[in-house]
């Protein structure tokens, strides 16, 4: 009697080994209880006689129920247990659950479907849609939203995503602003100087090219030799140099009367 009163059932996670063991224990307990109830309803013996209870229960105090559903509570996930005439029971499952004990969850939305970053909405008995929290996206809200996707930071700034927002990290202290768009006065002056030097270099190059183009135009189009005088001058210089080189060397000898034979002649 005491055994039947203290029997309890522990529900474990579906699909786990502990759940299977618990289900097996429930079946053994149910079988034992059926045998117990059957024995309790047998004709009284001369050794011991069970009392006749008006409420249909058994036991010395008529406080032990013979309802299998009440004793074992076998239906999981809020399933409804219904006793049958064959000293057994059946489980009527809630929508989204199936199995002999309503142990199989076939709902499209489960506690882990949206990864704790959104709300799962069932769009049909077999489909779902996750309504993601701000900052998350994806089929199961598995991705962090990239707030730098369409952001362009100016002046070589780098965009960094932060919680529900973004920030532009400026590369120098001379640039500030939400998008690194504000330049300091010193940076503006430096940029102006660089542009001025570039303009001057461009003008100089264009001027040199214009001079050469103009000289070629005078020479080949208008037949004006702009360097004729200079060529004549160079030709005259070369001719004079050749004449100097072609003249014989003049040797002047001085003879001293009273000098020794070795010193009597000096060439100049």
C-alpha atoms as a PDB file:
ATOM      1  CA  UNK A   1       0.000   0.000   0.000  1.00  0.00           C
ATOM      2  CA  UNK A   2       2.696   2.426   0.967  1.00  0.00           C
ATOM      3  CA  UNK A   3       4.545   1.756  -2.335  1.00  0.00           C
ATOM      4  CA  UNK A   4       1.548   2.757  -4.418  1.00  0.00           C
ATOM      5  CA  UNK A   5       1.016   5.979  -2.463  1.00  0.00           C
ATOM      6  CA  UNK A   6       4.629   7.251  -2.771  1.00  0.00           C
ATOM      7  CA  UNK A   7       5.202   6.500  -6.483  1.00  0.00           C
ATOM      8  CA  UNK A   8       6.158   9.669  -8.484  1.00  0.00           C
ATOM      9  CA  UNK A   9       7.052  10.310 -12.150  1.00  0.00           C
ATOM     10  CA  UNK A  10      10.007  12.482 -13.295  1.00  0.00           C
ATOM     11  CA  UNK A  11       9.791  14.144 -16.758  1.00  0.00           C
ATOM     12  CA  UNK A  12      13.125  14.421 -18.592  1.00  0.00           C
ATOM     13  CA  UNK A  13      14.006  16.288 -21.847  1.00  0.00           C
ATOM     14  CA  UNK A  14      12.537  14.665 -24.931  1.00  0.00           C
ATOM     15  CA  UNK A  15      14.950  12.447 -26.851  1.00  0.00           C
ATOM     16  CA  UNK A  16      17.434  12.090 -23.968  1.00  0.00           C
ATOM     17  CA  UNK A  17      18.519   8.809 -22.453  1.00  0.00           C
ATOM     18  CA  UNK A  18      16.970   9.818 -19.131  1.00  0.00           C
ATOM     19  CA  UNK A  19      13.612  10.332 -20.868  1.00  0.00           C
ATOM     20  CA  UNK A  20      13.756   6.841 -22.361  1.00  0.00           C
ATOM     21  CA  UNK A  21      14.659   5.373 -18.969  1.00  0.00           C
ATOM     22  CA  UNK A  22      11.819   7.292 -17.327  1.00  0.00           C
ATOM     23  CA  UNK A  23       9.335   6.053 -19.949  1.00  0.00           C
ATOM     24  CA  UNK A  24      10.512   2.491 -19.381  1.00  0.00           C
ATOM     25  CA  UNK A  25      10.153   2.967 -15.606  1.00  0.00           C
ATOM     26  CA  UNK A  26       6.627   4.330 -16.119  1.00  0.00           C
ATOM     27  CA  UNK A  27       5.666   1.252 -18.109  1.00  0.00           C
ATOM     28  CA  UNK A  28       7.043  -1.051 -15.375  1.00  0.00           C
ATOM     29  CA  UNK A  29       5.256   0.985 -12.696  1.00  0.00           C
ATOM     30  CA  UNK A  30       2.008   0.849 -14.655  1.00  0.00           C
ATOM     31  CA  UNK A  31       2.284  -2.924 -15.053  1.00  0.00           C
ATOM     32  CA  UNK A  32       3.017  -3.343 -11.362  1.00  0.00           C
ATOM     33  CA  UNK A  33       0.075  -1.130 -10.445  1.00  0.00           C
ATOM     34  CA  UNK A  34      -2.264  -3.071 -12.717  1.00  0.00           C
ATOM     35  CA  UNK A  35      -1.152  -6.273 -11.042  1.00  0.00           C
ATOM     36  CA  UNK A  36      -1.581  -4.612  -7.655  1.00  0.00           C
ATOM     37  CA  UNK A  37      -5.066  -3.341  -8.446  1.00  0.00           C
ATOM     38  CA  UNK A  38      -6.047  -6.708  -9.873  1.00  0.00           C
ATOM     39  CA  UNK A  39      -4.830  -8.445  -6.728  1.00  0.00           C
ATOM     40  CA  UNK A  40      -6.639  -5.923  -4.553  1.00  0.00           C
ATOM     41  CA  UNK A  41      -9.936  -6.626  -6.296  1.00  0.00           C
ATOM     42  CA  UNK A  42      -9.689 -10.405  -5.945  1.00  0.00           C
ATOM     43  CA  UNK A  43     -12.132 -12.197  -3.633  1.00  0.00           C
ATOM     44  CA  UNK A  44     -11.152 -11.818   0.002  1.00  0.00           C
ATOM     45  CA  UNK A  45      -8.843 -14.426   1.457  1.00  0.00           C
ATOM     46  CA  UNK A  46      -9.146 -15.920   4.945  1.00  0.00           C
ATOM     47  CA  UNK A  47      -5.773 -14.293   5.877  1.00  0.00           C
ATOM     48  CA  UNK A  48      -6.365 -10.708   4.786  1.00  0.00           C
ATOM     49  CA  UNK A  49      -9.451  -8.934   3.463  1.00  0.00           C
ATOM     50  CA  UNK A  50      -9.315  -5.556   1.720  1.00  0.00           C
ATOM     51  CA  UNK A  51     -12.016  -3.066   2.664  1.00  0.00           C
ATOM     52  CA  UNK A  52     -14.750  -2.158   0.217  1.00  0.00           C
ATOM     53  CA  UNK A  53     -14.446   1.584  -0.658  1.00  0.00           C
ATOM     54  CA  UNK A  54     -17.459   3.590  -1.774  1.00  0.00           C
ATOM     55  CA  UNK A  55     -15.334   5.986  -3.823  1.00  0.00           C
ATOM     56  CA  UNK A  56     -13.844   3.174  -5.928  1.00  0.00           C
ATOM     57  CA  UNK A  57     -10.393   3.505  -4.385  1.00  0.00           C
ATOM     58  CA  UNK A  58      -8.459   0.814  -2.566  1.00  0.00           C
ATOM     59  CA  UNK A  59      -6.369   0.674   0.583  1.00  0.00           C
ATOM     60  CA  UNK A  60      -7.058   0.554   4.297  1.00  0.00           C
ATOM     61  CA  UNK A  61      -8.157   4.178   4.238  1.00  0.00           C
ATOM     62  CA  UNK A  62      -9.625   4.107   0.716  1.00  0.00           C
ATOM     63  CA  UNK A  63      -7.119   6.720  -0.341  1.00  0.00           C
ATOM     64  CA  UNK A  64      -5.280   4.797  -3.071  1.00  0.00           C
ATOM     65  CA  UNK A  65      -6.739   5.515  -6.504  1.00  0.00           C
ATOM     66  CA  UNK A  66      -6.985   2.900  -9.219  1.00  0.00           C
ATOM     67  CA  UNK A  67      -7.028   5.529 -12.010  1.00  0.00           C
ATOM     68  CA  UNK A  68      -3.954   4.837 -14.172  1.00  0.00           C
ATOM     69  CA  UNK A  69      -3.877   8.362 -15.578  1.00  0.00           C
ATOM     70  CA  UNK A  70      -3.927   9.846 -12.089  1.00  0.00           C
ATOM     71  CA  UNK A  71      -1.332   7.409 -10.757  1.00  0.00           C
ATOM     72  CA  UNK A  72       1.244   7.595 -13.568  1.00  0.00           C
ATOM     73  CA  UNK A  73       0.453  10.935 -15.275  1.00  0.00           C
ATOM     74  CA  UNK A  74       2.116   9.559 -18.432  1.00  0.00           C
ATOM     75  CA  UNK A  75       1.224  12.244 -20.975  1.00  0.00           C
ATOM     76  CA  UNK A  76       3.919  14.906 -21.528  1.00  0.00           C
ATOM     77  CA  UNK A  77       3.686  18.470 -22.839  1.00  0.00           C
ATOM     78  CA  UNK A  78       0.215  19.090 -21.368  1.00  0.00           C
ATOM     79  CA  UNK A  79      -1.288  16.052 -23.091  1.00  0.00           C
ATOM     80  CA  UNK A  80      -4.592  14.698 -21.799  1.00  0.00           C
ATOM     81  CA  UNK A  81      -4.649  11.137 -20.422  1.00  0.00           C
ATOM     82  CA  UNK A  82      -7.777   9.034 -21.060  1.00  0.00           C
ATOM     83  CA  UNK A  83      -8.340   5.663 -19.360  1.00  0.00           C
ATOM     84  CA  UNK A  84      -9.490   2.774 -21.529  1.00  0.00           C
ATOM     85  CA  UNK A  85     -11.580  -0.272 -20.697  1.00  0.00           C
ATOM     86  CA  UNK A  86      -8.594  -2.584 -21.090  1.00  0.00           C
ATOM     87  CA  UNK A  87      -6.914  -1.280 -17.916  1.00  0.00           C
ATOM     88  CA  UNK A  88      -4.734   1.009 -20.065  1.00  0.00           C
ATOM     89  CA  UNK A  89      -4.748   4.604 -21.264  1.00  0.00           C
ATOM     90  CA  UNK A  90      -4.229   6.810 -24.301  1.00  0.00           C
ATOM     91  CA  UNK A  91      -2.760  10.307 -24.597  1.00  0.00           C
ATOM     92  CA  UNK A  92      -4.548  13.068 -26.484  1.00  0.00           C
ATOM     93  CA  UNK A  93      -1.746  15.495 -27.484  1.00  0.00           C
ATOM     94  CA  UNK A  94      -1.810  19.252 -27.776  1.00  0.00           C
ATOM     95  CA  UNK A  95      -1.333  20.777 -31.228  1.00  0.00           C
ATOM     96  CA  UNK A  96       2.333  20.534 -32.236  1.00  0.00           C
ATOM     97  CA  UNK A  97       3.091  17.328 -30.292  1.00  0.00           C
ATOM     98  CA  UNK A  98       2.800  13.669 -31.202  1.00  0.00           C
ATOM     99  CA  UNK A  99       3.843  10.248 -29.930  1.00  0.00           C
ATOM    100  CA  UNK A 100       2.346   7.683 -27.567  1.00  0.00           C
ATOM    101  CA  UNK A 101       3.129  10.002 -24.638  1.00  0.00           C
ATOM    102  CA  UNK A 102       3.113  13.298 -26.617  1.00  0.00           C
ATOM    103  CA  UNK A 103       6.901  13.318 -26.329  1.00  0.00           C
ATOM    104  CA  UNK A 104       7.720  14.455 -29.910  1.00  0.00           C
ATOM    105  CA  UNK A 105       7.681  18.199 -30.582  1.00  0.00           C
ATOM    106  CA  UNK A 106       6.730  18.918 -34.218  1.00  0.00           C
ATOM    107  CA  UNK A 107       6.091  22.651 -33.788  1.00  0.00           C
ATOM    108  CA  UNK A 108       7.975  24.874 -36.283  1.00  0.00           C
ATOM    109  CA  UNK A 109       8.738  27.344 -33.457  1.00  0.00           C
ATOM    110  CA  UNK A 110      10.842  25.918 -30.669  1.00  0.00           C
ATOM    111  CA  UNK A 111      12.541  27.736 -27.774  1.00  0.00           C
ATOM    112  CA  UNK A 112      15.860  27.775 -29.653  1.00  0.00           C
ATOM    113  CA  UNK A 113      14.563  28.522 -33.173  1.00  0.00           C
ATOM    114  CA  UNK A 114      15.455  32.233 -33.122  1.00  0.00           C
ATOM    115  CA  UNK A 115      18.575  31.758 -30.934  1.00  0.00           C
ATOM    116  CA  UNK A 116      17.258  34.033 -28.145  1.00  0.00           C
ATOM    117  CA  UNK A 117      17.689  37.050 -30.460  1.00  0.00           C
ATOM    118  CA  UNK A 118      14.127  37.276 -31.776  1.00  0.00           C
ATOM    119  CA  UNK A 119      10.498  36.169 -31.538  1.00  0.00           C
ATOM    120  CA  UNK A 120       9.339  33.131 -33.520  1.00  0.00           C
ATOM    121  CA  UNK A 121       6.018  33.417 -35.338  1.00  0.00           C
ATOM    122  CA  UNK A 122       4.373  30.349 -36.868  1.00  0.00           C
ATOM    123  CA  UNK A 123       3.220  31.209 -40.382  1.00  0.00           C
ATOM    124  CA  UNK A 124       1.828  27.706 -41.006  1.00  0.00           C
ATOM    125  CA  UNK A 125       1.840  24.335 -39.249  1.00  0.00           C
ATOM    126  CA  UNK A 126       5.263  23.654 -40.790  1.00  0.00           C
ATOM    127  CA  UNK A 127       6.856  27.092 -41.370  1.00  0.00           C
ATOM    128  CA  UNK A 128       7.997  29.963 -39.194  1.00  0.00           C
ATOM    129  CA  UNK A 129       9.390  33.495 -39.343  1.00  0.00           C
ATOM    130  CA  UNK A 130      11.758  35.064 -36.816  1.00  0.00           C
ATOM    131  CA  UNK A 131      11.112  38.667 -35.805  1.00  0.00           C
ATOM    132  CA  UNK A 132      14.665  39.634 -34.856  1.00  0.00           C
ATOM    133  CA  UNK A 133      15.573  42.104 -32.150  1.00  0.00           C
ATOM    134  CA  UNK A 134      17.335  45.327 -33.220  1.00  0.00           C
ATOM    135  CA  UNK A 135      20.929  44.586 -34.151  1.00  0.00           C
ATOM    136  CA  UNK A 136      20.309  41.043 -35.433  1.00  0.00           C
ATOM    137  CA  UNK A 137      19.166  39.590 -38.730  1.00  0.00           C
ATOM    138  CA  UNK A 138      18.980  36.320 -40.665  1.00  0.00           C
ATOM    139  CA  UNK A 139      16.589  33.373 -40.915  1.00  0.00           C
ATOM    140  CA  UNK A 140      17.233  32.442 -37.273  1.00  0.00           C
ATOM    141  CA  UNK A 141      18.514  35.885 -36.152  1.00  0.00           C
ATOM    142  CA  UNK A 142      22.007  34.412 -36.271  1.00  0.00           C
ATOM    143  CA  UNK A 143      23.814  37.414 -37.811  1.00  0.00           C
ATOM    144  CA  UNK A 144      24.761  40.752 -36.279  1.00  0.00           C
ATOM    145  CA  UNK A 145      23.549  43.687 -38.386  1.00  0.00           C
ATOM    146  CA  UNK A 146      26.381  45.509 -40.179  1.00  0.00           C
ATOM    147  CA  UNK A 147      25.535  49.192 -39.791  1.00  0.00           C
ATOM    148  CA  UNK A 148      28.581  50.129 -41.926  1.00  0.00           C
ATOM    149  CA  UNK A 149      27.098  48.492 -45.023  1.00  0.00           C
ATOM    150  CA  UNK A 150      26.060  51.744 -46.768  1.00  0.00           C
ATOM    151  CA  UNK A 151      28.275  54.200 -44.855  1.00  0.00           C
ATOM    152  CA  UNK A 152      31.199  56.035 -46.499  1.00  0.00           C
ATOM    153  CA  UNK A 153      33.646  57.785 -44.157  1.00  0.00           C
ATOM    154  CA  UNK A 154      35.458  60.688 -45.815  1.00  0.00           C
ATOM    155  CA  UNK A 155      39.165  61.585 -45.733  1.00  0.00           C
ATOM    156  CA  UNK A 156      40.310  57.948 -45.371  1.00  0.00           C
ATOM    157  CA  UNK A 157      38.186  57.371 -42.256  1.00  0.00           C
ATOM    158  CA  UNK A 158      37.324  53.794 -41.250  1.00  0.00           C
ATOM    159  CA  UNK A 159      33.768  52.756 -40.340  1.00  0.00           C
ATOM    160  CA  UNK A 160      33.338  50.560 -37.245  1.00  0.00           C
ATOM    161  CA  UNK A 161      29.960  48.973 -36.344  1.00  0.00           C
ATOM    162  CA  UNK A 162      28.853  49.360 -32.737  1.00  0.00           C
ATOM    163  CA  UNK A 163      25.697  48.359 -30.864  1.00  0.00           C
ATOM    164  CA  UNK A 164      22.723  49.497 -32.995  1.00  0.00           C
ATOM    165  CA  UNK A 165      24.906  52.155 -34.638  1.00  0.00           C
ATOM    166  CA  UNK A 166      28.249  52.914 -36.298  1.00  0.00           C
ATOM    167  CA  UNK A 167      31.176  55.273 -35.891  1.00  0.00           C
ATOM    168  CA  UNK A 168      33.754  56.700 -38.300  1.00  0.00           C
ATOM    169  CA  UNK A 169      37.290  56.521 -36.937  1.00  0.00           C
ATOM    170  CA  UNK A 170      39.278  59.428 -38.414  1.00  0.00           C
ATOM    171  CA  UNK A 171      42.896  58.631 -39.281  1.00  0.00           C
ATOM    172  CA  UNK A 172      44.354  62.043 -38.256  1.00  0.00           C
ATOM    173  CA  UNK A 173      43.647  64.659 -35.629  1.00  0.00           C
ATOM    174  CA  UNK A 174      43.143  67.265 -38.364  1.00  0.00           C
ATOM    175  CA  UNK A 175      39.814  65.623 -39.356  1.00  0.00           C
ATOM    176  CA  UNK A 176      36.663  65.413 -37.220  1.00  0.00           C
ATOM    177  CA  UNK A 177      32.906  64.997 -37.633  1.00  0.00           C
ATOM    178  CA  UNK A 178      30.344  62.200 -37.862  1.00  0.00           C
ATOM    179  CA  UNK A 179      31.762  61.115 -41.238  1.00  0.00           C
ATOM    180  CA  UNK A 180      35.269  62.641 -40.808  1.00  0.00           C
ATOM    181  CA  UNK A 181      34.130  65.431 -43.124  1.00  0.00           C
ATOM    182  CA  UNK A 182      35.372  68.451 -41.120  1.00  0.00           C
ATOM    183  CA  UNK A 183      38.963  69.512 -41.868  1.00  0.00           C
ATOM    184  CA  UNK A 184      41.067  71.724 -39.589  1.00  0.00           C
ATOM    185  CA  UNK A 185      42.425  75.085 -40.831  1.00  0.00           C
ATOM    186  CA  UNK A 186      45.990  73.787 -40.962  1.00  0.00           C
ATOM    187  CA  UNK A 187      44.949  70.877 -43.164  1.00  0.00           C
ATOM    188  CA  UNK A 188      43.057  73.234 -45.496  1.00  0.00           C
ATOM    189  CA  UNK A 189      46.156  75.461 -45.818  1.00  0.00           C
ATOM    190  CA  UNK A 190      48.410  72.489 -46.546  1.00  0.00           C
ATOM    191  CA  UNK A 191      46.019  71.260 -49.210  1.00  0.00           C
ATOM    192  CA  UNK A 192      45.919  74.726 -50.829  1.00  0.00           C
ATOM    193  CA  UNK A 193      49.726  74.890 -50.924  1.00  0.00           C
ATOM    194  CA  UNK A 194      49.947  71.475 -52.517  1.00  0.00           C
ATOM    195  CA  UNK A 195      47.431  72.503 -55.150  1.00  0.00           C
ATOM    196  CA  UNK A 196      49.361  75.727 -55.862  1.00  0.00           C
ATOM    197  CA  UNK A 197      52.660  73.866 -56.318  1.00  0.00           C
ATOM    198  CA  UNK A 198      50.925  71.440 -58.624  1.00  0.00           C
ATOM    199  CA  UNK A 199      49.466  74.265 -60.709  1.00  0.00           C
ATOM    200  CA  UNK A 200      52.880  75.959 -61.005  1.00  0.00           C
ATOM    201  CA  UNK A 201      54.526  72.715 -62.126  1.00  0.00           C
ATOM    202  CA  UNK A 202      51.816  72.172 -64.723  1.00  0.00           C
ATOM    203  CA  UNK A 203      52.218  75.728 -66.054  1.00  0.00           C
ATOM    204  CA  UNK A 204      56.005  75.320 -66.304  1.00  0.00           C
ATOM    205  CA  UNK A 205      55.715  72.063 -68.198  1.00  0.00           C
ATOM    206  CA  UNK A 206      53.155  73.552 -70.564  1.00  0.00           C
ATOM    207  CA  UNK A 207      55.428  76.571 -71.150  1.00  0.00           C
ATOM    208  CA  UNK A 208      58.458  74.448 -72.056  1.00  0.00           C
ATOM    209  CA  UNK A 209      56.400  72.343 -74.412  1.00  0.00           C
ATOM    210  CA  UNK A 210      54.984  75.498 -76.024  1.00  0.00           C
ATOM    211  CA  UNK A 211      58.499  76.839 -76.669  1.00  0.00           C
ATOM    212  CA  UNK A 212      59.599  73.673 -78.439  1.00  0.00           C
ATOM    213  CA  UNK A 213      56.405  73.531 -80.445  1.00  0.00           C
ATOM    214  CA  UNK A 214      56.835  77.184 -81.449  1.00  0.00           C
ATOM    215  CA  UNK A 215      60.419  76.661 -82.576  1.00  0.00           C
ATOM    216  CA  UNK A 216      59.439  73.666 -84.652  1.00  0.00           C
ATOM    217  CA  UNK A 217      56.601  75.627 -86.204  1.00  0.00           C
ATOM    218  CA  UNK A 218      58.977  78.474 -87.201  1.00  0.00           C
ATOM    219  CA  UNK A 219      61.479  76.021 -88.655  1.00  0.00           C
ATOM    220  CA  UNK A 220      59.269  73.625 -90.587  1.00  0.00           C
ATOM    221  CA  UNK A 221      56.203  75.718 -91.354  1.00  0.00           C
ATOM    222  CA  UNK A 222      57.516  79.267 -91.829  1.00  0.00           C
ATOM    223  CA  UNK A 223      61.038  78.170 -92.892  1.00  0.00           C
ATOM    224  CA  UNK A 224      62.641  80.463 -90.334  1.00  0.00           C
ATOM    225  CA  UNK A 225      65.906  79.153 -88.922  1.00  0.00           C
ATOM    226  CA  UNK A 226      65.963  80.537 -85.395  1.00  0.00           C
ATOM    227  CA  UNK A 227      69.374  79.051 -84.586  1.00  0.00           C
ATOM    228  CA  UNK A 228      71.152  79.923 -87.852  1.00  0.00           C
ATOM    229  CA  UNK A 229      73.322  82.624 -86.277  1.00  0.00           C
ATOM    230  CA  UNK A 230      74.306  80.325 -83.458  1.00  0.00           C
ATOM    231  CA  UNK A 231      75.274  77.587 -85.903  1.00  0.00           C
ATOM    232  CA  UNK A 232      77.436  80.039 -87.830  1.00  0.00           C
ATOM    233  CA  UNK A 233      79.162  81.097 -84.643  1.00  0.00           C
ATOM    234  CA  UNK A 234      79.891  77.496 -83.700  1.00  0.00           C
ATOM    235  CA  UNK A 235      81.179  76.754 -87.218  1.00  0.00           C
ATOM    236  CA  UNK A 236      83.518  79.752 -87.063  1.00  0.00           C
ATOM    237  CA  UNK A 237      84.863  78.661 -83.701  1.00  0.00           C
ATOM    238  CA  UNK A 238      85.588  75.154 -84.988  1.00  0.00           C
ATOM    239  CA  UNK A 239      87.299  76.505 -88.106  1.00  0.00           C
ATOM    240  CA  UNK A 240      89.580  78.792 -86.091  1.00  0.00           C
ATOM    241  CA  UNK A 241      90.495  75.910 -83.808  1.00  0.00           C
ATOM    242  CA  UNK A 242      91.444  73.736 -86.803  1.00  0.00           C
ATOM    243  CA  UNK A 243      93.571  76.586 -88.265  1.00  0.00           C
ATOM    244  CA  UNK A 244      95.477  76.965 -85.024  1.00  0.00           C
ATOM    245  CA  UNK A 245      96.144  73.263 -84.914  1.00  0.00           C
ATOM    246  CA  UNK A 246      97.335  73.172 -88.583  1.00  0.00           C
ATOM    247  CA  UNK A 247     100.022  75.976 -88.284  1.00  0.00           C
ATOM    248  CA  UNK A 248     103.697  74.747 -87.991  1.00  0.00           C
ATOM    249  CA  UNK A 249     105.363  75.179 -84.618  1.00  0.00           C
ATOM    250  CA  UNK A 250     107.769  78.094 -84.475  1.00  0.00           C
ATOM    251  CA  UNK A 251     111.071  77.245 -82.804  1.00  0.00           C
ATOM    252  CA  UNK A 252     113.297  80.127 -81.593  1.00  0.00           C
ATOM    253  CA  UNK A 253     116.872  79.374 -80.662  1.00  0.00           C
ATOM    254  CA  UNK A 254     119.128  81.654 -78.656  1.00  0.00           C
ATOM    255  CA  UNK A 255     122.904  81.070 -78.842  1.00  0.00           C
ATOM    256  CA  UNK A 256     125.162  82.371 -76.123  1.00  0.00           C
ATOM    257  CA  UNK A 257     128.709  82.996 -77.134  1.00  0.00           C
ATOM    258  CA  UNK A 258     130.422  82.437 -73.802  1.00  0.00           C
ATOM    259  CA  UNK A 259     128.214  79.538 -72.695  1.00  0.00           C
ATOM    260  CA  UNK A 260     129.244  75.962 -72.366  1.00  0.00           C
ATOM    261  CA  UNK A 261     128.356  73.589 -75.220  1.00  0.00           C
ATOM    262  CA  UNK A 262     125.431  72.150 -73.300  1.00  0.00           C
ATOM    263  CA  UNK A 263     123.942  75.555 -72.402  1.00  0.00           C
ATOM    264  CA  UNK A 264     124.737  77.429 -75.593  1.00  0.00           C
ATOM    265  CA  UNK A 265     121.350  76.731 -77.220  1.00  0.00           C
ATOM    266  CA  UNK A 266     117.933  77.453 -75.696  1.00  0.00           C
ATOM    267  CA  UNK A 267     114.732  76.849 -77.580  1.00  0.00           C
ATOM    268  CA  UNK A 268     111.739  79.043 -77.068  1.00  0.00           C
END
